[in-house]
């Protein structure tokens, strides 16, 4: 994978927490620094399988609302076995999970999402390591504050961020009536990839082929993040494009740097 480059760090930017693309403003800047986010290991293979591998096991996060809402998920049409998600080679998953410390359950979701986008939008050239970098910064791969990933890919307890009331991030008034995030006044980022409700409404995907779109389920969240990143139609092996795509997820130089650090680290293992 290409060696990453990134935004220059500054004391003013460092330490900002990541939330989601719509929780901050959208300042545009000269895109002069690069991170090549592409490459799946050769052992990653596209295979139509219904099940994904199991795995199991911090970043700063606010406590969820006192009354935790039920996990959100819209039922879709009856799943078609032919549409089962792509899966990574089991030996690759075992090796990379052991080497990186990423739970195998999360890693399989990142790899499957990257393989799916490689089929749907080959020009995007999204790397699994970019998704893993986001997952690391957003929720420590579903393990933040004592949460964990179940074999089903669900996070428990739910991961719900701070109210986006303008105190720490750009104010984002409620858009879902609290149905997803349990807050009827302000939006909050939810799930292992930390989507806010209005962005989830635009990009939510069924990543595990069970006919539901669930913000708290790692396969769905990873595929939705992949869809968001590839939505501009850019080649993410080009540094400026990688930054622009991640800027759409969260427009913060500090966030870009943090994800770049993690993605670079993971790229060394395949």
C-alpha atoms as a PDB file:
ATOM      1  CA  UNK A   1       0.000   0.000   0.000  1.00  0.00           C
ATOM      2  CA  UNK A   2       1.232   3.523  -0.647  1.00  0.00           C
ATOM      3  CA  UNK A   3       2.877   5.251   2.284  1.00  0.00           C
ATOM      4  CA  UNK A   4       0.383   7.647   3.848  1.00  0.00           C
ATOM      5  CA  UNK A   5       0.702  11.382   4.122  1.00  0.00           C
ATOM      6  CA  UNK A   6      -1.729  13.539   6.022  1.00  0.00           C
ATOM      7  CA  UNK A   7      -2.754  16.973   7.171  1.00  0.00           C
ATOM      8  CA  UNK A   8      -0.030  18.733   9.167  1.00  0.00           C
ATOM      9  CA  UNK A   9      -0.785  18.399  12.865  1.00  0.00           C
ATOM     10  CA  UNK A  10      -1.390  21.438  15.013  1.00  0.00           C
ATOM     11  CA  UNK A  11      -1.967  21.828  18.726  1.00  0.00           C
ATOM     12  CA  UNK A  12      -5.249  23.552  17.987  1.00  0.00           C
ATOM     13  CA  UNK A  13      -6.599  20.613  16.019  1.00  0.00           C
ATOM     14  CA  UNK A  14      -5.154  17.680  17.934  1.00  0.00           C
ATOM     15  CA  UNK A  15      -7.511  16.183  20.487  1.00  0.00           C
ATOM     16  CA  UNK A  16     -10.808  16.934  18.740  1.00  0.00           C
ATOM     17  CA  UNK A  17     -13.118  13.929  18.926  1.00  0.00           C
ATOM     18  CA  UNK A  18     -14.648  12.342  15.899  1.00  0.00           C
ATOM     19  CA  UNK A  19     -18.382  12.232  15.467  1.00  0.00           C
ATOM     20  CA  UNK A  20     -19.982  12.114  12.018  1.00  0.00           C
ATOM     21  CA  UNK A  21     -19.982  14.047   8.763  1.00  0.00           C
ATOM     22  CA  UNK A  22     -23.122  16.034   9.569  1.00  0.00           C
ATOM     23  CA  UNK A  23     -22.156  16.844  13.149  1.00  0.00           C
ATOM     24  CA  UNK A  24     -19.641  19.452  12.082  1.00  0.00           C
ATOM     25  CA  UNK A  25     -19.507  22.166   9.477  1.00  0.00           C
ATOM     26  CA  UNK A  26     -18.182  21.602   5.994  1.00  0.00           C
ATOM     27  CA  UNK A  27     -15.235  23.954   5.581  1.00  0.00           C
ATOM     28  CA  UNK A  28     -13.289  23.159   2.431  1.00  0.00           C
ATOM     29  CA  UNK A  29      -9.548  23.472   2.378  1.00  0.00           C
ATOM     30  CA  UNK A  30      -6.662  23.025  -0.016  1.00  0.00           C
ATOM     31  CA  UNK A  31      -6.189  19.249  -0.245  1.00  0.00           C
ATOM     32  CA  UNK A  32      -2.424  19.006  -0.349  1.00  0.00           C
ATOM     33  CA  UNK A  33      -1.667  15.989   1.794  1.00  0.00           C
ATOM     34  CA  UNK A  34      -2.290  12.380   0.930  1.00  0.00           C
ATOM     35  CA  UNK A  35      -2.987   8.936   2.222  1.00  0.00           C
ATOM     36  CA  UNK A  36      -3.196   6.037  -0.149  1.00  0.00           C
ATOM     37  CA  UNK A  37      -6.006   3.971   1.309  1.00  0.00           C
ATOM     38  CA  UNK A  38      -6.101   1.153  -1.259  1.00  0.00           C
ATOM     39  CA  UNK A  39      -5.394  -2.520  -1.210  1.00  0.00           C
ATOM     40  CA  UNK A  40      -6.939  -5.737  -0.103  1.00  0.00           C
ATOM     41  CA  UNK A  41      -4.491  -8.561   0.414  1.00  0.00           C
ATOM     42  CA  UNK A  42      -4.394 -11.110  -2.371  1.00  0.00           C
ATOM     43  CA  UNK A  43      -5.840 -13.668   0.015  1.00  0.00           C
ATOM     44  CA  UNK A  44      -9.064 -11.659   0.292  1.00  0.00           C
ATOM     45  CA  UNK A  45     -11.487 -13.421  -1.960  1.00  0.00           C
ATOM     46  CA  UNK A  46     -15.079 -12.662  -2.922  1.00  0.00           C
ATOM     47  CA  UNK A  47     -17.275 -15.558  -1.828  1.00  0.00           C
ATOM     48  CA  UNK A  48     -21.052 -15.705  -1.577  1.00  0.00           C
ATOM     49  CA  UNK A  49     -21.578 -16.936   1.964  1.00  0.00           C
ATOM     50  CA  UNK A  50     -24.436 -16.273   4.330  1.00  0.00           C
ATOM     51  CA  UNK A  51     -22.444 -16.170   7.577  1.00  0.00           C
ATOM     52  CA  UNK A  52     -19.427 -14.167   8.646  1.00  0.00           C
ATOM     53  CA  UNK A  53     -16.701 -15.109  11.094  1.00  0.00           C
ATOM     54  CA  UNK A  54     -17.091 -14.513  14.799  1.00  0.00           C
ATOM     55  CA  UNK A  55     -14.721 -12.566  17.035  1.00  0.00           C
ATOM     56  CA  UNK A  56     -14.782 -10.684  20.265  1.00  0.00           C
ATOM     57  CA  UNK A  57     -13.292  -7.951  23.002  1.00  0.00           C
ATOM     58  CA  UNK A  58     -11.398   2.736  23.826  1.00  0.00           C
ATOM     59  CA  UNK A  59     -11.571   6.482  22.539  1.00  0.00           C
ATOM     60  CA  UNK A  60     -13.596   8.989  24.479  1.00  0.00           C
ATOM     61  CA  UNK A  61     -17.376   8.698  24.290  1.00  0.00           C
ATOM     62  CA  UNK A  62     -20.296  10.101  26.231  1.00  0.00           C
ATOM     63  CA  UNK A  63     -22.628   7.873  28.184  1.00  0.00           C
ATOM     64  CA  UNK A  64     -25.838   7.012  26.325  1.00  0.00           C
ATOM     65  CA  UNK A  65     -29.170   8.564  27.313  1.00  0.00           C
ATOM     66  CA  UNK A  66     -30.649   7.219  30.544  1.00  0.00           C
ATOM     67  CA  UNK A  67     -33.478   5.496  28.707  1.00  0.00           C
ATOM     68  CA  UNK A  68     -31.686   3.446  26.082  1.00  0.00           C
ATOM     69  CA  UNK A  69     -33.798   3.158  22.923  1.00  0.00           C
ATOM     70  CA  UNK A  70     -34.236  -0.112  21.157  1.00  0.00           C
ATOM     71  CA  UNK A  71     -31.787  -0.916  18.390  1.00  0.00           C
ATOM     72  CA  UNK A  72     -32.994   0.620  15.155  1.00  0.00           C
ATOM     73  CA  UNK A  73     -33.413  -1.409  12.012  1.00  0.00           C
ATOM     74  CA  UNK A  74     -35.842  -1.299   9.118  1.00  0.00           C
ATOM     75  CA  UNK A  75     -37.000  -4.634   7.739  1.00  0.00           C
ATOM     76  CA  UNK A  76     -36.335  -4.878   4.022  1.00  0.00           C
ATOM     77  CA  UNK A  77     -37.444  -7.362   1.426  1.00  0.00           C
ATOM     78  CA  UNK A  78     -36.896 -11.065   2.132  1.00  0.00           C
ATOM     79  CA  UNK A  79     -33.156 -11.672   1.726  1.00  0.00           C
ATOM     80  CA  UNK A  80     -32.028 -13.496  -1.403  1.00  0.00           C
ATOM     81  CA  UNK A  81     -29.298 -16.115  -0.784  1.00  0.00           C
ATOM     82  CA  UNK A  82     -27.710 -15.037  -4.052  1.00  0.00           C
ATOM     83  CA  UNK A  83     -27.156 -11.605  -2.506  1.00  0.00           C
ATOM     84  CA  UNK A  84     -25.165 -12.941   0.447  1.00  0.00           C
ATOM     85  CA  UNK A  85     -22.269 -10.642   1.358  1.00  0.00           C
ATOM     86  CA  UNK A  86     -18.738 -11.144   0.114  1.00  0.00           C
ATOM     87  CA  UNK A  87     -16.390 -12.656   2.669  1.00  0.00           C
ATOM     88  CA  UNK A  88     -12.666 -12.576   3.299  1.00  0.00           C
ATOM     89  CA  UNK A  89     -10.463 -15.632   3.341  1.00  0.00           C
ATOM     90  CA  UNK A  90     -10.643 -17.195   6.861  1.00  0.00           C
ATOM     91  CA  UNK A  91      -6.883 -17.623   7.118  1.00  0.00           C
ATOM     92  CA  UNK A  92      -6.360 -13.965   6.251  1.00  0.00           C
ATOM     93  CA  UNK A  93      -8.918 -12.943   8.858  1.00  0.00           C
ATOM     94  CA  UNK A  94      -7.315 -15.043  11.576  1.00  0.00           C
ATOM     95  CA  UNK A  95      -3.818 -13.797  10.811  1.00  0.00           C
ATOM     96  CA  UNK A  96      -4.653 -10.106  10.489  1.00  0.00           C
ATOM     97  CA  UNK A  97      -6.947 -10.111  13.528  1.00  0.00           C
ATOM     98  CA  UNK A  98      -4.162 -11.649  15.606  1.00  0.00           C
ATOM     99  CA  UNK A  99      -1.531  -9.253  14.273  1.00  0.00           C
ATOM    100  CA  UNK A 100      -3.576  -6.053  14.563  1.00  0.00           C
ATOM    101  CA  UNK A 101      -5.718  -6.710  17.629  1.00  0.00           C
ATOM    102  CA  UNK A 102      -8.875  -5.927  15.631  1.00  0.00           C
ATOM    103  CA  UNK A 103     -11.668  -8.280  16.738  1.00  0.00           C
ATOM    104  CA  UNK A 104     -12.185 -10.831  14.004  1.00  0.00           C
ATOM    105  CA  UNK A 105     -15.908 -10.025  13.955  1.00  0.00           C
ATOM    106  CA  UNK A 106     -15.154  -6.372  13.157  1.00  0.00           C
ATOM    107  CA  UNK A 107     -12.382  -7.193  10.695  1.00  0.00           C
ATOM    108  CA  UNK A 108     -14.652  -9.478   8.707  1.00  0.00           C
ATOM    109  CA  UNK A 109     -17.161  -6.626   8.414  1.00  0.00           C
ATOM    110  CA  UNK A 110     -14.531  -4.173   7.143  1.00  0.00           C
ATOM    111  CA  UNK A 111     -13.180  -6.692   4.636  1.00  0.00           C
ATOM    112  CA  UNK A 112     -16.634  -7.687   3.411  1.00  0.00           C
ATOM    113  CA  UNK A 113     -17.629  -4.035   2.938  1.00  0.00           C
ATOM    114  CA  UNK A 114     -14.455  -3.295   0.968  1.00  0.00           C
ATOM    115  CA  UNK A 115     -14.997  -6.364  -1.220  1.00  0.00           C
ATOM    116  CA  UNK A 116     -18.609  -5.359  -1.845  1.00  0.00           C
ATOM    117  CA  UNK A 117     -17.603  -1.863  -2.933  1.00  0.00           C
ATOM    118  CA  UNK A 118     -14.822  -3.336  -5.088  1.00  0.00           C
ATOM    119  CA  UNK A 119     -17.575  -5.143  -6.974  1.00  0.00           C
ATOM    120  CA  UNK A 120     -20.117  -2.312  -7.008  1.00  0.00           C
ATOM    121  CA  UNK A 121     -17.746   0.626  -7.552  1.00  0.00           C
ATOM    122  CA  UNK A 122     -14.351  -0.717  -8.633  1.00  0.00           C
ATOM    123  CA  UNK A 123     -13.157   2.795  -9.409  1.00  0.00           C
ATOM    124  CA  UNK A 124     -13.412   3.763  -5.744  1.00  0.00           C
ATOM    125  CA  UNK A 125     -10.657   1.317  -4.697  1.00  0.00           C
ATOM    126  CA  UNK A 126     -11.577   1.527  -1.042  1.00  0.00           C
ATOM    127  CA  UNK A 127      -9.190  -0.334   1.269  1.00  0.00           C
ATOM    128  CA  UNK A 128     -10.358  -2.376   4.248  1.00  0.00           C
ATOM    129  CA  UNK A 129      -7.746  -0.527   6.292  1.00  0.00           C
ATOM    130  CA  UNK A 130      -9.537   2.808   5.785  1.00  0.00           C
ATOM    131  CA  UNK A 131     -12.706   1.357   7.268  1.00  0.00           C
ATOM    132  CA  UNK A 132     -10.689  -0.211  10.078  1.00  0.00           C
ATOM    133  CA  UNK A 133      -9.048   3.164  10.766  1.00  0.00           C
ATOM    134  CA  UNK A 134     -12.465   4.779  11.089  1.00  0.00           C
ATOM    135  CA  UNK A 135     -13.738   1.955  13.275  1.00  0.00           C
ATOM    136  CA  UNK A 136     -10.711   2.298  15.523  1.00  0.00           C
ATOM    137  CA  UNK A 137     -11.092   6.053  16.015  1.00  0.00           C
ATOM    138  CA  UNK A 138     -14.876   6.031  16.333  1.00  0.00           C
ATOM    139  CA  UNK A 139     -15.458   3.145  18.728  1.00  0.00           C
ATOM    140  CA  UNK A 140     -12.345   0.995  19.134  1.00  0.00           C
ATOM    141  CA  UNK A 141     -14.051  -1.512  16.839  1.00  0.00           C
ATOM    142  CA  UNK A 142     -17.195  -1.640  18.962  1.00  0.00           C
ATOM    143  CA  UNK A 143     -15.365  -1.940  22.303  1.00  0.00           C
ATOM    144  CA  UNK A 144     -15.579   1.626  23.597  1.00  0.00           C
ATOM    145  CA  UNK A 145     -16.612   2.148  27.225  1.00  0.00           C
ATOM    146  CA  UNK A 146     -17.162  -1.518  27.887  1.00  0.00           C
ATOM    147  CA  UNK A 147     -19.247  -2.264  24.817  1.00  0.00           C
ATOM    148  CA  UNK A 148     -18.539  -5.408  22.825  1.00  0.00           C
ATOM    149  CA  UNK A 149     -19.515  -7.069  19.585  1.00  0.00           C
ATOM    150  CA  UNK A 150     -21.747 -10.100  19.827  1.00  0.00           C
ATOM    151  CA  UNK A 151     -21.275 -12.973  17.364  1.00  0.00           C
ATOM    152  CA  UNK A 152     -24.272 -11.509  15.503  1.00  0.00           C
ATOM    153  CA  UNK A 153     -22.317  -8.276  14.974  1.00  0.00           C
ATOM    154  CA  UNK A 154     -24.559  -6.272  17.288  1.00  0.00           C
ATOM    155  CA  UNK A 155     -22.901  -3.934  19.809  1.00  0.00           C
ATOM    156  CA  UNK A 156     -23.917  -4.250  23.432  1.00  0.00           C
ATOM    157  CA  UNK A 157     -24.520  -2.008  25.208  1.00  0.00           C
ATOM    158  CA  UNK A 158     -25.367   0.398  22.420  1.00  0.00           C
ATOM    159  CA  UNK A 159     -22.761   3.052  21.546  1.00  0.00           C
ATOM    160  CA  UNK A 160     -24.364   6.497  21.601  1.00  0.00           C
ATOM    161  CA  UNK A 161     -22.405   9.750  21.510  1.00  0.00           C
ATOM    162  CA  UNK A 162     -22.817  13.137  23.101  1.00  0.00           C
ATOM    163  CA  UNK A 163     -25.758  15.368  22.182  1.00  0.00           C
ATOM    164  CA  UNK A 164     -24.718  17.575  19.280  1.00  0.00           C
ATOM    165  CA  UNK A 165     -25.940  20.718  21.029  1.00  0.00           C
ATOM    166  CA  UNK A 166     -23.161  23.083  19.970  1.00  0.00           C
ATOM    167  CA  UNK A 167     -21.177  22.647  23.192  1.00  0.00           C
ATOM    168  CA  UNK A 168     -18.382  20.588  21.654  1.00  0.00           C
ATOM    169  CA  UNK A 169     -19.491  20.160  18.043  1.00  0.00           C
ATOM    170  CA  UNK A 170     -21.645  22.018  15.541  1.00  0.00           C
ATOM    171  CA  UNK A 171     -25.242  22.002  16.771  1.00  0.00           C
ATOM    172  CA  UNK A 172     -27.378  19.407  15.011  1.00  0.00           C
ATOM    173  CA  UNK A 173     -31.037  19.545  16.087  1.00  0.00           C
ATOM    174  CA  UNK A 174     -32.948  16.297  16.228  1.00  0.00           C
ATOM    175  CA  UNK A 175     -33.889  14.734  12.887  1.00  0.00           C
ATOM    176  CA  UNK A 176     -35.389  11.387  13.938  1.00  0.00           C
ATOM    177  CA  UNK A 177     -37.635  12.193  16.891  1.00  0.00           C
ATOM    178  CA  UNK A 178     -35.250  10.217  19.045  1.00  0.00           C
ATOM    179  CA  UNK A 179     -36.161   6.961  17.327  1.00  0.00           C
ATOM    180  CA  UNK A 180     -32.550   5.965  16.653  1.00  0.00           C
ATOM    181  CA  UNK A 181     -30.486   7.869  19.215  1.00  0.00           C
ATOM    182  CA  UNK A 182     -32.980   8.257  22.073  1.00  0.00           C
ATOM    183  CA  UNK A 183     -32.697  12.058  22.009  1.00  0.00           C
ATOM    184  CA  UNK A 184     -35.664  14.046  20.704  1.00  0.00           C
ATOM    185  CA  UNK A 185     -33.881  17.390  21.071  1.00  0.00           C
ATOM    186  CA  UNK A 186     -30.436  16.856  19.494  1.00  0.00           C
ATOM    187  CA  UNK A 187     -28.960  14.288  17.183  1.00  0.00           C
ATOM    188  CA  UNK A 188     -26.277  11.951  18.497  1.00  0.00           C
ATOM    189  CA  UNK A 189     -23.830   9.662  16.735  1.00  0.00           C
ATOM    190  CA  UNK A 190     -24.774   6.011  17.065  1.00  0.00           C
ATOM    191  CA  UNK A 191     -23.217   2.603  16.556  1.00  0.00           C
ATOM    192  CA  UNK A 192     -19.733   1.223  15.950  1.00  0.00           C
ATOM    193  CA  UNK A 193     -19.121   3.564  13.001  1.00  0.00           C
ATOM    194  CA  UNK A 194     -20.856   6.538  14.701  1.00  0.00           C
ATOM    195  CA  UNK A 195     -23.479   7.646  12.215  1.00  0.00           C
ATOM    196  CA  UNK A 196     -25.952  10.356  13.112  1.00  0.00           C
ATOM    197  CA  UNK A 197     -29.568   9.622  12.175  1.00  0.00           C
ATOM    198  CA  UNK A 198     -29.834  11.900   9.136  1.00  0.00           C
ATOM    199  CA  UNK A 199     -26.677  10.478   7.567  1.00  0.00           C
ATOM    200  CA  UNK A 200     -27.780   6.940   8.332  1.00  0.00           C
ATOM    201  CA  UNK A 201     -31.028   7.697   6.527  1.00  0.00           C
ATOM    202  CA  UNK A 202     -29.020   8.539   3.401  1.00  0.00           C
ATOM    203  CA  UNK A 203     -26.412   5.778   3.463  1.00  0.00           C
ATOM    204  CA  UNK A 204     -27.694   2.930   5.639  1.00  0.00           C
ATOM    205  CA  UNK A 205     -27.117  -0.471   3.990  1.00  0.00           C
ATOM    206  CA  UNK A 206     -27.781  -4.113   4.825  1.00  0.00           C
ATOM    207  CA  UNK A 207     -24.271  -5.526   5.139  1.00  0.00           C
ATOM    208  CA  UNK A 208     -25.008  -9.014   6.405  1.00  0.00           C
ATOM    209  CA  UNK A 209     -27.877  -9.946   4.099  1.00  0.00           C
ATOM    210  CA  UNK A 210     -30.458 -10.457   6.842  1.00  0.00           C
ATOM    211  CA  UNK A 211     -32.981  -8.079   5.292  1.00  0.00           C
ATOM    212  CA  UNK A 212     -32.540  -5.393   7.943  1.00  0.00           C
ATOM    213  CA  UNK A 213     -30.577  -2.120   8.102  1.00  0.00           C
ATOM    214  CA  UNK A 214     -29.284  -1.720  11.663  1.00  0.00           C
ATOM    215  CA  UNK A 215     -27.071   1.114  12.837  1.00  0.00           C
ATOM    216  CA  UNK A 216     -25.768  -0.956  15.771  1.00  0.00           C
ATOM    217  CA  UNK A 217     -24.740  -3.944  13.647  1.00  0.00           C
ATOM    218  CA  UNK A 218     -21.115  -3.935  12.485  1.00  0.00           C
ATOM    219  CA  UNK A 219     -21.671  -5.408   9.004  1.00  0.00           C
ATOM    220  CA  UNK A 220     -24.406  -2.898   8.225  1.00  0.00           C
ATOM    221  CA  UNK A 221     -22.428  -0.006   9.712  1.00  0.00           C
ATOM    222  CA  UNK A 222     -19.217  -0.906   7.847  1.00  0.00           C
ATOM    223  CA  UNK A 223     -20.965  -1.254   4.478  1.00  0.00           C
ATOM    224  CA  UNK A 224     -22.814   2.019   5.077  1.00  0.00           C
ATOM    225  CA  UNK A 225     -19.519   3.759   5.864  1.00  0.00           C
ATOM    226  CA  UNK A 226     -18.044   2.297   2.673  1.00  0.00           C
ATOM    227  CA  UNK A 227     -21.012   3.582   0.668  1.00  0.00           C
ATOM    228  CA  UNK A 228     -20.575   7.059   2.160  1.00  0.00           C
ATOM    229  CA  UNK A 229     -16.838   7.114   1.396  1.00  0.00           C
ATOM    230  CA  UNK A 230     -17.338   5.975  -2.195  1.00  0.00           C
ATOM    231  CA  UNK A 231     -20.373   8.176  -2.835  1.00  0.00           C
ATOM    232  CA  UNK A 232     -18.339  11.011  -4.432  1.00  0.00           C
ATOM    233  CA  UNK A 233     -17.053   8.558  -7.049  1.00  0.00           C
ATOM    234  CA  UNK A 234     -13.377   9.238  -6.355  1.00  0.00           C
ATOM    235  CA  UNK A 235     -10.365   6.933  -6.625  1.00  0.00           C
ATOM    236  CA  UNK A 236      -9.262   6.635  -3.012  1.00  0.00           C
ATOM    237  CA  UNK A 237      -5.731   5.562  -3.914  1.00  0.00           C
ATOM    238  CA  UNK A 238      -5.164   9.229  -4.788  1.00  0.00           C
ATOM    239  CA  UNK A 239      -4.205  11.091  -1.643  1.00  0.00           C
ATOM    240  CA  UNK A 240      -6.331  14.176  -2.220  1.00  0.00           C
ATOM    241  CA  UNK A 241      -9.331  11.970  -2.899  1.00  0.00           C
ATOM    242  CA  UNK A 242      -8.746   9.927   0.261  1.00  0.00           C
ATOM    243  CA  UNK A 243      -8.725  13.099   2.333  1.00  0.00           C
ATOM    244  CA  UNK A 244     -11.798  14.472   0.564  1.00  0.00           C
ATOM    245  CA  UNK A 245     -13.751  11.265   1.163  1.00  0.00           C
ATOM    246  CA  UNK A 246     -12.814  11.167   4.831  1.00  0.00           C
ATOM    247  CA  UNK A 247     -13.585  14.866   5.079  1.00  0.00           C
ATOM    248  CA  UNK A 248     -17.128  13.918   4.080  1.00  0.00           C
ATOM    249  CA  UNK A 249     -17.239  11.547   7.039  1.00  0.00           C
ATOM    250  CA  UNK A 250     -15.873  14.090   9.489  1.00  0.00           C
ATOM    251  CA  UNK A 251     -14.391  17.434   8.363  1.00  0.00           C
ATOM    252  CA  UNK A 252     -11.577  17.660  10.882  1.00  0.00           C
ATOM    253  CA  UNK A 253      -7.851  17.644  10.193  1.00  0.00           C
ATOM    254  CA  UNK A 254      -7.223  16.018  13.579  1.00  0.00           C
ATOM    255  CA  UNK A 255      -9.713  13.281  12.765  1.00  0.00           C
ATOM    256  CA  UNK A 256      -8.130  12.731   9.351  1.00  0.00           C
ATOM    257  CA  UNK A 257      -4.728  12.374  10.990  1.00  0.00           C
ATOM    258  CA  UNK A 258      -5.990   9.917  13.590  1.00  0.00           C
ATOM    259  CA  UNK A 259      -7.654   7.728  10.975  1.00  0.00           C
ATOM    260  CA  UNK A 260      -4.567   7.966   8.769  1.00  0.00           C
ATOM    261  CA  UNK A 261      -2.363   6.775  11.621  1.00  0.00           C
ATOM    262  CA  UNK A 262      -4.566   3.767  12.245  1.00  0.00           C
ATOM    263  CA  UNK A 263      -5.032   2.943   8.545  1.00  0.00           C
ATOM    264  CA  UNK A 264      -1.276   3.089   7.981  1.00  0.00           C
ATOM    265  CA  UNK A 265      -0.666   0.786  10.907  1.00  0.00           C
ATOM    266  CA  UNK A 266      -3.213  -1.759   9.694  1.00  0.00           C
ATOM    267  CA  UNK A 267      -1.973  -1.632   6.098  1.00  0.00           C
ATOM    268  CA  UNK A 268       1.288  -3.255   7.186  1.00  0.00           C
ATOM    269  CA  UNK A 269      -0.517  -6.508   7.900  1.00  0.00           C
ATOM    270  CA  UNK A 270      -2.206  -7.108   4.560  1.00  0.00           C
END
